[in-house]
PDB file of N, CA and C in Angstrom:
ATOM      1  N   MET A   1      -1.605 -23.197  -0.719  1.00  0.00           N
ATOM      2  CA  MET A   1      -0.765 -23.293   0.458  1.00  0.00           C
ATOM      3  C   MET A   1       0.692 -22.997   0.070  1.00  0.00           C
ATOM      4  N   ILE A   2       1.384 -22.328   0.971  1.00  0.00           N
ATOM      5  CA  ILE A   2       2.813 -22.080   0.773  1.00  0.00           C
ATOM      6  C   ILE A   2       3.572 -22.682   1.951  1.00  0.00           C
ATOM      7  N   THR A   3       4.836 -22.918   1.731  1.00  0.00           N
ATOM      8  CA  THR A   3       5.666 -23.469   2.802  1.00  0.00           C
ATOM      9  C   THR A   3       6.190 -22.344   3.679  1.00  0.00           C
ATOM     10  N   ILE A   4       6.737 -22.697   4.816  1.00  0.00           N
ATOM     11  CA  ILE A   4       7.344 -21.705   5.701  1.00  0.00           C
ATOM     12  C   ILE A   4       8.525 -21.019   5.001  1.00  0.00           C
ATOM     13  N   TYR A   5       9.173 -21.733   4.098  1.00  0.00           N
ATOM     14  CA  TYR A   5      10.298 -21.159   3.359  1.00  0.00           C
ATOM     15  C   TYR A   5       9.823 -20.097   2.367  1.00  0.00           C
ATOM     16  N   ASP A   6       8.658 -20.321   1.758  1.00  0.00           N
ATOM     17  CA  ASP A   6       8.073 -19.302   0.877  1.00  0.00           C
ATOM     18  C   ASP A   6       7.667 -18.078   1.695  1.00  0.00           C
ATOM     19  N   PHE A   7       7.060 -18.303   2.850  1.00  0.00           N
ATOM     20  CA  PHE A   7       6.629 -17.206   3.710  1.00  0.00           C
ATOM     21  C   PHE A   7       7.825 -16.373   4.183  1.00  0.00           C
ATOM     22  N   ALA A   8       8.943 -17.031   4.430  1.00  0.00           N
ATOM     23  CA  ALA A   8      10.140 -16.326   4.891  1.00  0.00           C
ATOM     24  C   ALA A   8      10.667 -15.342   3.846  1.00  0.00           C
ATOM     25  N   LYS A   9      10.289 -15.505   2.590  1.00  0.00           N
ATOM     26  CA  LYS A   9      10.719 -14.601   1.523  1.00  0.00           C
ATOM     27  C   LYS A   9       9.927 -13.297   1.499  1.00  0.00           C
ATOM     28  N   VAL A  10       8.777 -13.274   2.165  1.00  0.00           N
ATOM     29  CA  VAL A  10       7.909 -12.101   2.152  1.00  0.00           C
ATOM     30  C   VAL A  10       8.503 -11.013   3.052  1.00  0.00           C
ATOM     31  N   GLU A  11       8.703  -9.831   2.476  1.00  0.00           N
ATOM     32  CA  GLU A  11       9.213  -8.697   3.239  1.00  0.00           C
ATOM     33  C   GLU A  11       8.042  -7.795   3.620  1.00  0.00           C
ATOM     34  N   MET A  12       7.791  -7.666   4.920  1.00  0.00           N
ATOM     35  CA  MET A  12       6.707  -6.825   5.414  1.00  0.00           C
ATOM     36  C   MET A  12       7.302  -5.682   6.227  1.00  0.00           C
ATOM     37  N   ARG A  13       6.802  -4.465   5.953  1.00  0.00           N
ATOM     38  CA  ARG A  13       7.282  -3.283   6.658  1.00  0.00           C
ATOM     39  C   ARG A  13       6.106  -2.385   7.017  1.00  0.00           C
ATOM     40  N   VAL A  14       6.259  -1.665   8.112  1.00  0.00           N
ATOM     41  CA  VAL A  14       5.260  -0.673   8.512  1.00  0.00           C
ATOM     42  C   VAL A  14       5.628   0.647   7.859  1.00  0.00           C
ATOM     43  N   GLY A  15       4.631   1.273   7.227  1.00  0.00           N
ATOM     44  CA  GLY A  15       4.855   2.557   6.577  1.00  0.00           C
ATOM     45  C   GLY A  15       3.791   3.562   6.972  1.00  0.00           C
ATOM     46  N   LEU A  16       4.174   4.826   7.015  1.00  0.00           N
ATOM     47  CA  LEU A  16       3.255   5.922   7.319  1.00  0.00           C
ATOM     48  C   LEU A  16       2.780   6.533   6.009  1.00  0.00           C
ATOM     49  N   VAL A  17       1.466   6.575   5.818  1.00  0.00           N
ATOM     50  CA  VAL A  17       0.883   7.158   4.611  1.00  0.00           C
ATOM     51  C   VAL A  17       0.893   8.680   4.769  1.00  0.00           C
ATOM     52  N   THR A  18       1.662   9.347   3.913  1.00  0.00           N
ATOM     53  CA  THR A  18       1.824  10.794   4.017  1.00  0.00           C
ATOM     54  C   THR A  18       1.081  11.572   2.939  1.00  0.00           C
ATOM     55  N   GLY A  19       0.575  10.859   1.933  1.00  0.00           N
ATOM     56  CA  GLY A  19      -0.184  11.519   0.873  1.00  0.00           C
ATOM     57  C   GLY A  19      -1.156  10.535   0.246  1.00  0.00           C
ATOM     58  N   THR A  20      -2.338  11.025  -0.107  1.00  0.00           N
ATOM     59  CA  THR A  20      -3.357  10.174  -0.728  1.00  0.00           C
ATOM     60  C   THR A  20      -4.135  10.970  -1.762  1.00  0.00           C
ATOM     61  N   ILE A  21      -4.551  10.276  -2.820  1.00  0.00           N
ATOM     62  CA  ILE A  21      -5.393  10.904  -3.840  1.00  0.00           C
ATOM     63  C   ILE A  21      -6.078   9.801  -4.640  1.00  0.00           C
ATOM     64  N   ASN A  22      -7.304  10.064  -5.077  1.00  0.00           N
ATOM     65  CA  ASN A  22      -7.966   9.126  -5.971  1.00  0.00           C
ATOM     66  C   ASN A  22      -7.222   9.112  -7.300  1.00  0.00           C
ATOM     67  N   LYS A  23      -7.006   7.925  -7.848  1.00  0.00           N
ATOM     68  CA  LYS A  23      -6.314   7.784  -9.132  1.00  0.00           C
ATOM     69  C   LYS A  23      -7.241   8.265 -10.238  1.00  0.00           C
ATOM     70  N   GLU A  24      -6.793   9.279 -10.958  1.00  0.00           N
ATOM     71  CA  GLU A  24      -7.590   9.834 -12.051  1.00  0.00           C
ATOM     72  C   GLU A  24      -7.845   8.759 -13.103  1.00  0.00           C
ATOM     73  N   GLY A  25      -9.089   8.643 -13.527  1.00  0.00           N
ATOM     74  CA  GLY A  25      -9.465   7.681 -14.544  1.00  0.00           C
ATOM     75  C   GLY A  25      -9.808   6.303 -14.007  1.00  0.00           C
ATOM     76  N   SER A  26      -9.791   6.139 -12.694  1.00  0.00           N
ATOM     77  CA  SER A  26     -10.107   4.849 -12.091  1.00  0.00           C
ATOM     78  C   SER A  26     -11.207   5.020 -11.060  1.00  0.00           C
ATOM     79  N   GLU A  27     -12.084   4.037 -10.980  1.00  0.00           N
ATOM     80  CA  GLU A  27     -13.148   4.066  -9.984  1.00  0.00           C
ATOM     81  C   GLU A  27     -12.785   3.262  -8.743  1.00  0.00           C
ATOM     82  N   LYS A  28     -11.639   2.565  -8.768  1.00  0.00           N
ATOM     83  CA  LYS A  28     -11.305   1.719  -7.629  1.00  0.00           C
ATOM     84  C   LYS A  28      -9.962   2.017  -6.974  1.00  0.00           C
ATOM     85  N   LEU A  29      -9.057   2.730  -7.648  1.00  0.00           N
ATOM     86  CA  LEU A  29      -7.710   2.913  -7.119  1.00  0.00           C
ATOM     87  C   LEU A  29      -7.538   4.191  -6.315  1.00  0.00           C
ATOM     88  N   ILE A  30      -6.761   4.072  -5.236  1.00  0.00           N
ATOM     89  CA  ILE A  30      -6.303   5.204  -4.446  1.00  0.00           C
ATOM     90  C   ILE A  30      -4.779   5.162  -4.472  1.00  0.00           C
ATOM     91  N   LYS A  31      -4.170   6.300  -4.799  1.00  0.00           N
ATOM     92  CA  LYS A  31      -2.711   6.407  -4.830  1.00  0.00           C
ATOM     93  C   LYS A  31      -2.224   6.843  -3.453  1.00  0.00           C
ATOM     94  N   LEU A  32      -1.316   6.053  -2.870  1.00  0.00           N
ATOM     95  CA  LEU A  32      -0.762   6.349  -1.554  1.00  0.00           C
ATOM     96  C   LEU A  32       0.713   6.706  -1.690  1.00  0.00           C
ATOM     97  N   THR A  33       1.148   7.718  -0.975  1.00  0.00           N
ATOM     98  CA  THR A  33       2.565   7.998  -0.803  1.00  0.00           C
ATOM     99  C   THR A  33       2.910   7.506   0.591  1.00  0.00           C
ATOM    100  N   VAL A  34       3.857   6.554   0.658  1.00  0.00           N
ATOM    101  CA  VAL A  34       4.142   5.871   1.922  1.00  0.00           C
ATOM    102  C   VAL A  34       5.600   6.079   2.307  1.00  0.00           C
ATOM    103  N   ASN A  35       5.816   6.561   3.540  1.00  0.00           N
ATOM    104  CA  ASN A  35       7.154   6.779   4.076  1.00  0.00           C
ATOM    105  C   ASN A  35       7.532   5.584   4.934  1.00  0.00           C
ATOM    106  N   PHE A  36       8.638   4.922   4.556  1.00  0.00           N
ATOM    107  CA  PHE A  36       9.144   3.781   5.309  1.00  0.00           C
ATOM    108  C   PHE A  36      10.352   4.159   6.162  1.00  0.00           C
ATOM    109  N   GLY A  37      10.599   5.426   6.334  1.00  0.00           N
ATOM    110  CA  GLY A  37      11.729   5.876   7.134  1.00  0.00           C
ATOM    111  C   GLY A  37      12.967   6.103   6.289  1.00  0.00           C
ATOM    112  N   ASP A  38      13.418   5.069   5.602  1.00  0.00           N
ATOM    113  CA  ASP A  38      14.612   5.196   4.776  1.00  0.00           C
ATOM    114  C   ASP A  38      14.289   5.438   3.307  1.00  0.00           C
ATOM    115  N   ASP A  39      13.039   5.274   2.924  1.00  0.00           N
ATOM    116  CA  ASP A  39      12.617   5.580   1.559  1.00  0.00           C
ATOM    117  C   ASP A  39      11.126   5.855   1.522  1.00  0.00           C
ATOM    118  N   THR A  40      10.699   6.462   0.412  1.00  0.00           N
ATOM    119  CA  THR A  40       9.289   6.761   0.192  1.00  0.00           C
ATOM    120  C   THR A  40       8.871   6.075  -1.093  1.00  0.00           C
ATOM    121  N   ARG A  41       7.689   5.441  -1.059  1.00  0.00           N
ATOM    122  CA  ARG A  41       7.202   4.717  -2.233  1.00  0.00           C
ATOM    123  C   ARG A  41       5.777   5.139  -2.563  1.00  0.00           C
ATOM    124  N   THR A  42       5.433   4.959  -3.830  1.00  0.00           N
ATOM    125  CA  THR A  42       4.065   5.146  -4.283  1.00  0.00           C
ATOM    126  C   THR A  42       3.426   3.770  -4.387  1.00  0.00           C
ATOM    127  N   ILE A  43       2.277   3.621  -3.747  1.00  0.00           N
ATOM    128  CA  ILE A  43       1.571   2.342  -3.732  1.00  0.00           C
ATOM    129  C   ILE A  43       0.111   2.617  -4.095  1.00  0.00           C
ATOM    130  N   PHE A  44      -0.449   1.757  -4.931  1.00  0.00           N
ATOM    131  CA  PHE A  44      -1.858   1.873  -5.300  1.00  0.00           C
ATOM    132  C   PHE A  44      -2.646   0.784  -4.598  1.00  0.00           C
ATOM    133  N   THR A  45      -3.810   1.167  -4.079  1.00  0.00           N
ATOM    134  CA  THR A  45      -4.700   0.197  -3.446  1.00  0.00           C
ATOM    135  C   THR A  45      -6.057   0.264  -4.130  1.00  0.00           C
ATOM    136  N   GLY A  46      -6.645  -0.887  -4.407  1.00  0.00           N
ATOM    137  CA  GLY A  46      -7.909  -0.950  -5.142  1.00  0.00           C
ATOM    138  C   GLY A  46      -9.099  -1.182  -4.239  1.00  0.00           C
ATOM    139  N   VAL A  47      -9.321  -0.272  -3.294  1.00  0.00           N
ATOM    140  CA  VAL A  47     -10.376  -0.489  -2.295  1.00  0.00           C
ATOM    141  C   VAL A  47     -11.504   0.537  -2.324  1.00  0.00           C
ATOM    142  N   ARG A  48     -11.511   1.433  -3.319  1.00  0.00           N
ATOM    143  CA  ARG A  48     -12.592   2.430  -3.370  1.00  0.00           C
ATOM    144  C   ARG A  48     -13.956   1.786  -3.535  1.00  0.00           C
ATOM    145  N   LEU A  49     -14.024   0.658  -4.231  1.00  0.00           N
ATOM    146  CA  LEU A  49     -15.306  -0.024  -4.433  1.00  0.00           C
ATOM    147  C   LEU A  49     -15.899  -0.532  -3.127  1.00  0.00           C
ATOM    148  N   PHE A  50     -15.078  -0.613  -2.084  1.00  0.00           N
ATOM    149  CA  PHE A  50     -15.539  -1.083  -0.774  1.00  0.00           C
ATOM    150  C   PHE A  50     -15.855   0.078   0.163  1.00  0.00           C
ATOM    151  N   GLY A  51     -15.878   1.294  -0.373  1.00  0.00           N
ATOM    152  CA  GLY A  51     -16.285   2.460   0.403  1.00  0.00           C
ATOM    153  C   GLY A  51     -15.152   3.239   1.047  1.00  0.00           C
ATOM    154  N   TYR A  52     -13.913   2.856   0.801  1.00  0.00           N
ATOM    155  CA  TYR A  52     -12.786   3.587   1.379  1.00  0.00           C
ATOM    156  C   TYR A  52     -12.508   4.859   0.591  1.00  0.00           C
ATOM    157  N   THR A  53     -12.024   5.866   1.294  1.00  0.00           N
ATOM    158  CA  THR A  53     -11.665   7.145   0.688  1.00  0.00           C
ATOM    159  C   THR A  53     -10.193   7.433   1.000  1.00  0.00           C
ATOM    160  N   PRO A  54      -9.574   8.363   0.291  1.00  0.00           N
ATOM    161  CA  PRO A  54      -8.187   8.707   0.607  1.00  0.00           C
ATOM    162  C   PRO A  54      -7.989   9.126   2.068  1.00  0.00           C
ATOM    163  N   GLU A  55      -8.968   9.799   2.628  1.00  0.00           N
ATOM    164  CA  GLU A  55      -8.864  10.265   4.011  1.00  0.00           C
ATOM    165  C   GLU A  55      -8.781   9.113   5.016  1.00  0.00           C
ATOM    166  N   ASP A  56      -9.268   7.937   4.644  1.00  0.00           N
ATOM    167  CA  ASP A  56      -9.193   6.774   5.536  1.00  0.00           C
ATOM    168  C   ASP A  56      -7.757   6.309   5.766  1.00  0.00           C
ATOM    169  N   PHE A  57      -6.825   6.701   4.881  1.00  0.00           N
ATOM    170  CA  PHE A  57      -5.444   6.238   4.939  1.00  0.00           C
ATOM    171  C   PHE A  57      -4.455   7.302   5.406  1.00  0.00           C
ATOM    172  N   LEU A  58      -4.798   8.560   5.198  1.00  0.00           N
ATOM    173  CA  LEU A  58      -3.861   9.660   5.432  1.00  0.00           C
ATOM    174  C   LEU A  58      -3.406   9.726   6.888  1.00  0.00           C
ATOM    175  N   ASN A  59      -2.075   9.849   7.065  1.00  0.00           N
ATOM    176  CA  ASN A  59      -1.429   9.980   8.378  1.00  0.00           C
ATOM    177  C   ASN A  59      -1.637   8.778   9.292  1.00  0.00           C
ATOM    178  N   LYS A  60      -1.808   7.609   8.694  1.00  0.00           N
ATOM    179  CA  LYS A  60      -1.947   6.370   9.469  1.00  0.00           C
ATOM    180  C   LYS A  60      -0.858   5.396   9.038  1.00  0.00           C
ATOM    181  N   LYS A  61      -0.535   4.482   9.953  1.00  0.00           N
ATOM    182  CA  LYS A  61       0.464   3.461   9.666  1.00  0.00           C
ATOM    183  C   LYS A  61      -0.223   2.157   9.285  1.00  0.00           C
ATOM    184  N   PHE A  62       0.361   1.468   8.290  1.00  0.00           N
ATOM    185  CA  PHE A  62      -0.152   0.193   7.817  1.00  0.00           C
ATOM    186  C   PHE A  62       1.007  -0.752   7.560  1.00  0.00           C
ATOM    187  N   LEU A  63       0.705  -2.016   7.520  1.00  0.00           N
ATOM    188  CA  LEU A  63       1.672  -3.039   7.176  1.00  0.00           C
ATOM    189  C   LEU A  63       1.603  -3.273   5.672  1.00  0.00           C
ATOM    190  N   PHE A  64       2.755  -3.231   5.006  1.00  0.00           N
ATOM    191  CA  PHE A  64       2.832  -3.409   3.561  1.00  0.00           C
ATOM    192  C   PHE A  64       3.792  -4.544   3.228  1.00  0.00           C
ATOM    193  N   VAL A  65       3.447  -5.320   2.210  1.00  0.00           N
ATOM    194  CA  VAL A  65       4.395  -6.262   1.629  1.00  0.00           C
ATOM    195  C   VAL A  65       5.190  -5.459   0.610  1.00  0.00           C
ATOM    196  N   THR A  66       6.512  -5.387   0.795  1.00  0.00           N
ATOM    197  CA  THR A  66       7.312  -4.466  -0.009  1.00  0.00           C
ATOM    198  C   THR A  66       8.175  -5.146  -1.068  1.00  0.00           C
ATOM    199  N   ASN A  67       8.054  -6.439  -1.227  1.00  0.00           N
ATOM    200  CA  ASN A  67       8.860  -7.092  -2.268  1.00  0.00           C
ATOM    201  C   ASN A  67       8.000  -7.879  -3.259  1.00  0.00           C
ATOM    202  N   LEU A  68       6.797  -7.392  -3.518  1.00  0.00           N
ATOM    203  CA  LEU A  68       5.970  -7.995  -4.564  1.00  0.00           C
ATOM    204  C   LEU A  68       6.499  -7.581  -5.930  1.00  0.00           C
ATOM    205  N   GLU A  69       6.525  -8.504  -6.849  1.00  0.00           N
ATOM    206  CA  GLU A  69       6.912  -8.179  -8.212  1.00  0.00           C
ATOM    207  C   GLU A  69       5.789  -7.384  -8.863  1.00  0.00           C
ATOM    208  N   TYR A  70       6.125  -6.375  -9.621  1.00  0.00           N
ATOM    209  CA  TYR A  70       5.114  -5.590 -10.319  1.00  0.00           C
ATOM    210  C   TYR A  70       5.475  -5.486 -11.789  1.00  0.00           C
ATOM    211  N   LYS A  71       4.462  -5.182 -12.581  1.00  0.00           N
ATOM    212  CA  LYS A  71       4.680  -5.050 -14.023  1.00  0.00           C
ATOM    213  C   LYS A  71       4.038  -3.804 -14.524  1.00  0.00           C
TER     214      LYS A  71
END
């Protein structure tokens, strides 16, 4: 469980997926190029094992959490 104050720290934005490709060397990752209007980001999603393909994301809008720490 998180508090409302923790939830308030989450930055969510709608982005348009403008490019997609299966990540070479991975059986689960799809590489997305996402346009947020003021910037474009590369985001990886690990949903190929659930039957999703790059075409399922292309030219569609999705909600993204944009302030996750990554390593």
